[in-house]
Amino acid sequence: MIRVFIADDFRILVEDLEDMIGKQEDMCVVGTACSGRETLSKLQSLQCDIVLMDIEMEEKNTGILVTENLREIRPDLKIIFLTAHDTEQIIITAMGAGAVDYIVKGVSEEEALLHIRAAFNGKTLLDNKVRKVVLREYTRARRSEQSLLYFVNNLSALTAAERELVKLLLDGKKVAQIASIRCVEVVTVKTQIKGLLRKFKCSRTKEIVKMIRDLNLEHLF
């Protein structure tokens, strides 16, 4: 049974989704929330597999911020953005936050259910527009879906501390400066850098910085 949680502040849509999912033999709705705060509170302990996450709730980017937090406390959850926003910038930022899929509101029930089942089975089933945007942005140097998914998976797996570390590296900070800014030992920073290098299969931090700049992804940090 696929356990689905719905986070959306539009009650009518939530009811429609509950009705759609409730008719399926292989899935059920285990909870709902109408704000980012409520979503985080309920998902601290609620057992579910898929989260359908609206991007704009209290703020325009609430869903993205909640997703980033959930990646820290509940890395087991598979998050699908279900939203009216389909601009290129929002798509890129949303996928970078750690979602496994992105559905624009208004798709058919059949398509929405297909995306939920695919995500549950560990597949990323991006629709045509989202796929084109993400492919163009993330694989400018390597035009293949394999490299796209590799990069997206690595980016979404970064912890909050690692994302902050990348930002400081992009700002040109050295190890000692980073340790001072973050009030940690130099050895701690070096350990985190080793983790980054493993995730991106690089030998030096300069390679990570160059890759992010070459792909024009600095805005994600």
C-alpha atoms as a PDB file:
ATOM      1  CA  MET A   1       0.000   0.000   0.000  1.00  0.00           C
ATOM      2  CA  ILE A   2       1.408   3.388  -1.047  1.00  0.00           C
ATOM      3  CA  ARG A   3       0.912   5.808   1.845  1.00  0.00           C
ATOM      4  CA  VAL A   4       0.429   9.380   0.601  1.00  0.00           C
ATOM      5  CA  PHE A   5       0.566  12.661   2.511  1.00  0.00           C
ATOM      6  CA  ILE A   6      -0.890  15.822   0.921  1.00  0.00           C
ATOM      7  CA  ALA A   7       0.436  19.308   1.753  1.00  0.00           C
ATOM      8  CA  ASP A   8      -1.631  22.034   0.085  1.00  0.00           C
ATOM      9  CA  ASP A   9      -3.536  25.088   1.324  1.00  0.00           C
ATOM     10  CA  PHE A  10      -6.278  24.764  -1.331  1.00  0.00           C
ATOM     11  CA  ARG A  11      -8.861  22.631   0.474  1.00  0.00           C
ATOM     12  CA  ILE A  12     -10.910  21.769  -2.617  1.00  0.00           C
ATOM     13  CA  LEU A  13      -7.832  20.344  -4.355  1.00  0.00           C
ATOM     14  CA  VAL A  14      -6.913  18.348  -1.253  1.00  0.00           C
ATOM     15  CA  GLU A  15     -10.404  16.843  -1.177  1.00  0.00           C
ATOM     16  CA  ASP A  16     -10.185  15.969  -4.885  1.00  0.00           C
ATOM     17  CA  LEU A  17      -6.823  14.287  -4.338  1.00  0.00           C
ATOM     18  CA  GLU A  18      -8.118  12.388  -1.314  1.00  0.00           C
ATOM     19  CA  ASP A  19     -11.068  11.156  -3.369  1.00  0.00           C
ATOM     20  CA  MET A  20      -8.822  10.143  -6.302  1.00  0.00           C
ATOM     21  CA  ILE A  21      -6.294   8.303  -4.130  1.00  0.00           C
ATOM     22  CA  GLY A  22      -8.997   6.733  -1.965  1.00  0.00           C
ATOM     23  CA  LYS A  23     -10.414   4.944  -5.008  1.00  0.00           C
ATOM     24  CA  GLN A  24      -7.124   3.150  -5.681  1.00  0.00           C
ATOM     25  CA  GLU A  25      -6.568  -0.345  -4.360  1.00  0.00           C
ATOM     26  CA  ASP A  26      -2.829   0.168  -3.911  1.00  0.00           C
ATOM     27  CA  MET A  27      -2.702   3.548  -2.162  1.00  0.00           C
ATOM     28  CA  CYS A  28      -4.252   5.600   0.617  1.00  0.00           C
ATOM     29  CA  VAL A  29      -4.024   9.090   2.148  1.00  0.00           C
ATOM     30  CA  VAL A  30      -2.520   8.968   5.638  1.00  0.00           C
ATOM     31  CA  GLY A  31      -2.603  12.688   6.367  1.00  0.00           C
ATOM     32  CA  THR A  32      -2.944  16.236   5.076  1.00  0.00           C
ATOM     33  CA  ALA A  33      -1.647  19.689   5.986  1.00  0.00           C
ATOM     34  CA  CYS A  34      -2.424  23.219   4.815  1.00  0.00           C
ATOM     35  CA  SER A  35       0.839  24.937   5.787  1.00  0.00           C
ATOM     36  CA  GLY A  36       4.561  24.330   5.840  1.00  0.00           C
ATOM     37  CA  ARG A  37       4.681  24.370   9.625  1.00  0.00           C
ATOM     38  CA  GLU A  38       1.872  21.822   9.919  1.00  0.00           C
ATOM     39  CA  THR A  39       3.545  19.644   7.284  1.00  0.00           C
ATOM     40  CA  LEU A  40       6.847  19.544   9.157  1.00  0.00           C
ATOM     41  CA  SER A  41       5.101  18.895  12.462  1.00  0.00           C
ATOM     42  CA  LYS A  42       3.043  15.969  11.193  1.00  0.00           C
ATOM     43  CA  LEU A  43       5.831  14.383   9.176  1.00  0.00           C
ATOM     44  CA  GLN A  44       8.202  14.249  12.127  1.00  0.00           C
ATOM     45  CA  SER A  45       6.710  10.862  12.976  1.00  0.00           C
ATOM     46  CA  LEU A  46       3.877  10.024  10.571  1.00  0.00           C
ATOM     47  CA  GLN A  47       4.624   6.962   8.472  1.00  0.00           C
ATOM     48  CA  CYS A  48       4.157   7.602   4.767  1.00  0.00           C
ATOM     49  CA  ASP A  49       5.910   6.955   1.458  1.00  0.00           C
ATOM     50  CA  ILE A  50       4.997   9.844  -0.846  1.00  0.00           C
ATOM     51  CA  VAL A  51       4.420  13.526  -0.102  1.00  0.00           C
ATOM     52  CA  LEU A  52       2.474  15.616  -2.615  1.00  0.00           C
ATOM     53  CA  MET A  53       3.865  19.069  -1.841  1.00  0.00           C
ATOM     54  CA  ASP A  54       2.460  22.398  -2.976  1.00  0.00           C
ATOM     55  CA  ILE A  55       5.204  24.997  -3.457  1.00  0.00           C
ATOM     56  CA  GLU A  56       3.235  28.105  -2.473  1.00  0.00           C
ATOM     57  CA  MET A  57       1.504  27.945   0.911  1.00  0.00           C
ATOM     58  CA  GLU A  58       2.313  30.628   3.521  1.00  0.00           C
ATOM     59  CA  GLU A  59       4.997  32.017   1.226  1.00  0.00           C
ATOM     60  CA  LYS A  60       5.824  31.571  -2.455  1.00  0.00           C
ATOM     61  CA  ASN A  61       8.601  29.108  -1.699  1.00  0.00           C
ATOM     62  CA  THR A  62       7.242  27.398   1.436  1.00  0.00           C
ATOM     63  CA  GLY A  63       7.119  23.957  -0.186  1.00  0.00           C
ATOM     64  CA  ILE A  64      10.731  24.224  -1.327  1.00  0.00           C
ATOM     65  CA  LEU A  65      11.935  25.204   2.152  1.00  0.00           C
ATOM     66  CA  VAL A  66       9.893  22.422   3.766  1.00  0.00           C
ATOM     67  CA  THR A  67      11.352  19.910   1.302  1.00  0.00           C
ATOM     68  CA  GLU A  68      14.896  20.970   2.168  1.00  0.00           C
ATOM     69  CA  ASN A  69      14.108  20.478   5.868  1.00  0.00           C
ATOM     70  CA  LEU A  70      12.499  17.104   5.270  1.00  0.00           C
ATOM     71  CA  ARG A  71      15.575  15.918   3.405  1.00  0.00           C
ATOM     72  CA  GLU A  72      17.432  16.380   6.705  1.00  0.00           C
ATOM     73  CA  ILE A  73      14.972  14.758   9.106  1.00  0.00           C
ATOM     74  CA  ARG A  74      13.145  12.283   6.835  1.00  0.00           C
ATOM     75  CA  PRO A  75      15.432  11.282   3.947  1.00  0.00           C
ATOM     76  CA  ASP A  76      13.207   8.236   3.402  1.00  0.00           C
ATOM     77  CA  LEU A  77      10.327  10.355   2.089  1.00  0.00           C
ATOM     78  CA  LYS A  78       9.817  10.770  -1.649  1.00  0.00           C
ATOM     79  CA  ILE A  79       8.498  14.231  -2.410  1.00  0.00           C
ATOM     80  CA  ILE A  80       6.558  15.185  -5.515  1.00  0.00           C
ATOM     81  CA  PHE A  81       5.815  18.842  -6.139  1.00  0.00           C
ATOM     82  CA  LEU A  82       2.206  19.272  -7.246  1.00  0.00           C
ATOM     83  CA  THR A  83       1.948  22.937  -8.141  1.00  0.00           C
ATOM     84  CA  ALA A  84       0.653  25.579 -10.508  1.00  0.00           C
ATOM     85  CA  HIS A  85       4.149  27.016 -10.902  1.00  0.00           C
ATOM     86  CA  ASP A  86       5.923  25.926 -14.074  1.00  0.00           C
ATOM     87  CA  THR A  87       8.438  28.690 -14.776  1.00  0.00           C
ATOM     88  CA  GLU A  88      11.945  27.487 -15.565  1.00  0.00           C
ATOM     89  CA  GLN A  89      13.463  29.107 -12.463  1.00  0.00           C
ATOM     90  CA  ILE A  90      10.923  27.525 -10.109  1.00  0.00           C
ATOM     91  CA  ILE A  91      11.323  24.114 -11.747  1.00  0.00           C
ATOM     92  CA  ILE A  92      15.103  24.189 -11.393  1.00  0.00           C
ATOM     93  CA  THR A  93      15.024  25.435  -7.796  1.00  0.00           C
ATOM     94  CA  ALA A  94      12.339  22.933  -6.814  1.00  0.00           C
ATOM     95  CA  MET A  95      14.177  19.930  -8.249  1.00  0.00           C
ATOM     96  CA  GLY A  96      17.382  21.121  -6.609  1.00  0.00           C
ATOM     97  CA  ALA A  97      15.611  21.080  -3.229  1.00  0.00           C
ATOM     98  CA  GLY A  98      15.399  17.312  -3.343  1.00  0.00           C
ATOM     99  CA  ALA A  99      12.049  16.436  -4.909  1.00  0.00           C
ATOM    100  CA  VAL A 100      11.892  13.244  -6.961  1.00  0.00           C
ATOM    101  CA  ASP A 101       9.266  14.560  -9.369  1.00  0.00           C
ATOM    102  CA  TYR A 102       7.316  17.668 -10.353  1.00  0.00           C
ATOM    103  CA  ILE A 103       3.710  17.700 -11.554  1.00  0.00           C
ATOM    104  CA  VAL A 104       1.922  20.804 -12.779  1.00  0.00           C
ATOM    105  CA  LYS A 105      -1.616  21.091 -11.406  1.00  0.00           C
ATOM    106  CA  GLY A 106      -4.295  20.285 -13.941  1.00  0.00           C
ATOM    107  CA  VAL A 107      -2.864  17.003 -15.204  1.00  0.00           C
ATOM    108  CA  SER A 108      -5.271  14.100 -15.597  1.00  0.00           C
ATOM    109  CA  GLU A 109      -5.943  11.742 -12.693  1.00  0.00           C
ATOM    110  CA  GLU A 110      -4.368   8.942 -14.706  1.00  0.00           C
ATOM    111  CA  GLU A 111      -1.133  10.883 -15.144  1.00  0.00           C
ATOM    112  CA  ALA A 112      -0.979  11.993 -11.500  1.00  0.00           C
ATOM    113  CA  LEU A 113      -1.421   8.396 -10.325  1.00  0.00           C
ATOM    114  CA  LEU A 114       1.256   7.246 -12.761  1.00  0.00           C
ATOM    115  CA  HIS A 115       3.728   9.709 -11.236  1.00  0.00           C
ATOM    116  CA  ILE A 116       2.889   8.602  -7.683  1.00  0.00           C
ATOM    117  CA  ARG A 117       3.390   4.925  -8.496  1.00  0.00           C
ATOM    118  CA  ALA A 118       6.621   5.632 -10.385  1.00  0.00           C
ATOM    119  CA  ALA A 119       8.049   7.635  -7.466  1.00  0.00           C
ATOM    120  CA  PHE A 120       7.125   4.856  -5.038  1.00  0.00           C
ATOM    121  CA  ASN A 121       9.048   2.414  -7.236  1.00  0.00           C
ATOM    122  CA  GLY A 122      12.119   4.648  -7.290  1.00  0.00           C
ATOM    123  CA  LYS A 123      11.637   6.147 -10.744  1.00  0.00           C
ATOM    124  CA  THR A 124      11.740   9.813 -11.743  1.00  0.00           C
ATOM    125  CA  LEU A 125       8.940  10.378 -14.237  1.00  0.00           C
ATOM    126  CA  LEU A 126       9.305  14.051 -15.192  1.00  0.00           C
ATOM    127  CA  ASP A 127       6.736  15.390 -17.661  1.00  0.00           C
ATOM    128  CA  ASN A 128       7.950  16.725 -21.000  1.00  0.00           C
ATOM    129  CA  LYS A 129       8.277  20.418 -20.088  1.00  0.00           C
ATOM    130  CA  VAL A 130       9.969  19.775 -16.752  1.00  0.00           C
ATOM    131  CA  ARG A 131      12.249  17.180 -18.331  1.00  0.00           C
ATOM    132  CA  LYS A 132      13.334  19.619 -21.046  1.00  0.00           C
ATOM    133  CA  VAL A 133      14.031  22.426 -18.560  1.00  0.00           C
ATOM    134  CA  VAL A 134      16.002  20.215 -16.184  1.00  0.00           C
ATOM    135  CA  LEU A 135      17.896  18.487 -18.971  1.00  0.00           C
ATOM    136  CA  ARG A 136      18.889  21.790 -20.517  1.00  0.00           C
ATOM    137  CA  GLU A 137      19.984  23.260 -17.194  1.00  0.00           C
ATOM    138  CA  TYR A 138      21.756  20.318 -15.609  1.00  0.00           C
ATOM    139  CA  THR A 139      23.317  18.671 -18.630  1.00  0.00           C
ATOM    140  CA  ARG A 140      24.549  21.541 -20.659  1.00  0.00           C
ATOM    141  CA  ALA A 141      27.884  19.761 -20.994  1.00  0.00           C
ATOM    142  CA  ARG A 142      26.492  16.214 -21.109  1.00  0.00           C
ATOM    143  CA  ARG A 143      23.262  15.837 -23.015  1.00  0.00           C
ATOM    144  CA  SER A 144      21.943  12.645 -21.492  1.00  0.00           C
ATOM    145  CA  GLU A 145      19.300  11.709 -18.952  1.00  0.00           C
ATOM    146  CA  GLN A 146      21.771   9.474 -17.163  1.00  0.00           C
ATOM    147  CA  SER A 147      24.040  12.394 -16.298  1.00  0.00           C
ATOM    148  CA  LEU A 148      21.003  14.548 -15.460  1.00  0.00           C
ATOM    149  CA  LEU A 149      19.696  12.089 -12.883  1.00  0.00           C
ATOM    150  CA  TYR A 150      23.190  11.517 -11.508  1.00  0.00           C
ATOM    151  CA  PHE A 151      23.642  15.242 -10.864  1.00  0.00           C
ATOM    152  CA  VAL A 152      20.105  15.769  -9.489  1.00  0.00           C
ATOM    153  CA  ASN A 153      20.493  12.810  -7.112  1.00  0.00           C
ATOM    154  CA  ASN A 154      23.824  14.092  -5.818  1.00  0.00           C
ATOM    155  CA  LEU A 155      22.510  17.626  -5.367  1.00  0.00           C
ATOM    156  CA  SER A 156      19.398  16.488  -3.537  1.00  0.00           C
ATOM    157  CA  ALA A 157      21.500  14.297  -1.229  1.00  0.00           C
ATOM    158  CA  LEU A 158      23.463  17.243   0.151  1.00  0.00           C
ATOM    159  CA  THR A 159      22.866  18.051   3.811  1.00  0.00           C
ATOM    160  CA  ALA A 160      22.181  21.626   4.961  1.00  0.00           C
ATOM    161  CA  ALA A 161      25.755  21.828   6.251  1.00  0.00           C
ATOM    162  CA  GLU A 162      27.145  20.641   2.907  1.00  0.00           C
ATOM    163  CA  ARG A 163      25.045  23.162   0.979  1.00  0.00           C
ATOM    164  CA  GLU A 164      26.367  25.924   3.237  1.00  0.00           C
ATOM    165  CA  LEU A 165      29.896  24.624   2.659  1.00  0.00           C
ATOM    166  CA  VAL A 166      29.402  24.735  -1.122  1.00  0.00           C
ATOM    167  CA  LYS A 167      28.162  28.328  -0.861  1.00  0.00           C
ATOM    168  CA  LEU A 168      31.288  29.352   1.060  1.00  0.00           C
ATOM    169  CA  LEU A 169      33.491  27.580  -1.488  1.00  0.00           C
ATOM    170  CA  LEU A 170      31.689  29.449  -4.260  1.00  0.00           C
ATOM    171  CA  ASP A 171      32.451  32.663  -2.358  1.00  0.00           C
ATOM    172  CA  GLY A 172      36.140  31.780  -2.548  1.00  0.00           C
ATOM    173  CA  LYS A 173      36.612  31.015   1.153  1.00  0.00           C
ATOM    174  CA  LYS A 174      39.536  28.858   2.288  1.00  0.00           C
ATOM    175  CA  VAL A 175      39.316  26.009   4.797  1.00  0.00           C
ATOM    176  CA  ALA A 176      40.517  28.110   7.745  1.00  0.00           C
ATOM    177  CA  GLN A 177      38.104  30.920   6.872  1.00  0.00           C
ATOM    178  CA  ILE A 178      35.209  28.492   6.593  1.00  0.00           C
ATOM    179  CA  ALA A 179      36.062  26.980   9.979  1.00  0.00           C
ATOM    180  CA  SER A 180      36.116  30.464  11.528  1.00  0.00           C
ATOM    181  CA  ILE A 181      32.839  31.529   9.918  1.00  0.00           C
ATOM    182  CA  ARG A 182      31.060  28.349  11.028  1.00  0.00           C
ATOM    183  CA  CYS A 183      32.753  28.238  14.455  1.00  0.00           C
ATOM    184  CA  VAL A 184      34.032  24.691  13.984  1.00  0.00           C
ATOM    185  CA  GLU A 185      37.423  23.009  13.906  1.00  0.00           C
ATOM    186  CA  VAL A 186      39.432  22.958  10.680  1.00  0.00           C
ATOM    187  CA  VAL A 187      39.426  19.157  10.805  1.00  0.00           C
ATOM    188  CA  THR A 188      35.597  19.220  10.759  1.00  0.00           C
ATOM    189  CA  VAL A 189      35.583  21.293   7.581  1.00  0.00           C
ATOM    190  CA  LYS A 190      38.146  18.995   5.970  1.00  0.00           C
ATOM    191  CA  THR A 191      35.997  15.960   6.812  1.00  0.00           C
ATOM    192  CA  GLN A 192      32.921  17.589   5.253  1.00  0.00           C
ATOM    193  CA  ILE A 193      34.930  18.511   2.165  1.00  0.00           C
ATOM    194  CA  LYS A 194      35.976  14.869   1.776  1.00  0.00           C
ATOM    195  CA  GLY A 195      32.303  13.923   1.871  1.00  0.00           C
ATOM    196  CA  LEU A 196      31.506  16.466  -0.851  1.00  0.00           C
ATOM    197  CA  LEU A 197      34.306  15.184  -3.054  1.00  0.00           C
ATOM    198  CA  ARG A 198      33.021  11.619  -2.727  1.00  0.00           C
ATOM    199  CA  LYS A 199      29.452  12.616  -3.605  1.00  0.00           C
ATOM    200  CA  PHE A 200      30.510  14.498  -6.732  1.00  0.00           C
ATOM    201  CA  LYS A 201      33.362  12.127  -7.606  1.00  0.00           C
ATOM    202  CA  CYS A 202      35.852  14.992  -7.684  1.00  0.00           C
ATOM    203  CA  SER A 203      39.412  15.160  -6.393  1.00  0.00           C
ATOM    204  CA  ARG A 204      39.473  18.883  -5.552  1.00  0.00           C
ATOM    205  CA  THR A 205      36.935  21.456  -4.390  1.00  0.00           C
ATOM    206  CA  LYS A 206      37.866  23.602  -7.406  1.00  0.00           C
ATOM    207  CA  GLU A 207      36.294  20.941  -9.619  1.00  0.00           C
ATOM    208  CA  ILE A 208      32.987  21.166  -7.723  1.00  0.00           C
ATOM    209  CA  VAL A 209      32.994  24.962  -7.943  1.00  0.00           C
ATOM    210  CA  LYS A 210      33.795  24.861 -11.661  1.00  0.00           C
ATOM    211  CA  MET A 211      31.064  22.304 -12.339  1.00  0.00           C
ATOM    212  CA  ILE A 212      28.427  24.390 -10.543  1.00  0.00           C
ATOM    213  CA  ARG A 213      29.493  27.544 -12.364  1.00  0.00           C
ATOM    214  CA  ASP A 214      29.704  25.824 -15.732  1.00  0.00           C
ATOM    215  CA  LEU A 215      26.143  24.578 -15.252  1.00  0.00           C
ATOM    216  CA  ASN A 216      25.033  28.024 -14.049  1.00  0.00           C
ATOM    217  CA  LEU A 217      23.685  26.610 -10.787  1.00  0.00           C
ATOM    218  CA  GLU A 218      25.127  29.104  -8.287  1.00  0.00           C
ATOM    219  CA  HIS A 219      21.619  30.415  -7.547  1.00  0.00           C
ATOM    220  CA  LEU A 220      20.769  27.082  -5.891  1.00  0.00           C
ATOM    221  CA  PHE A 221      23.207  27.875  -3.079  1.00  0.00           C
END
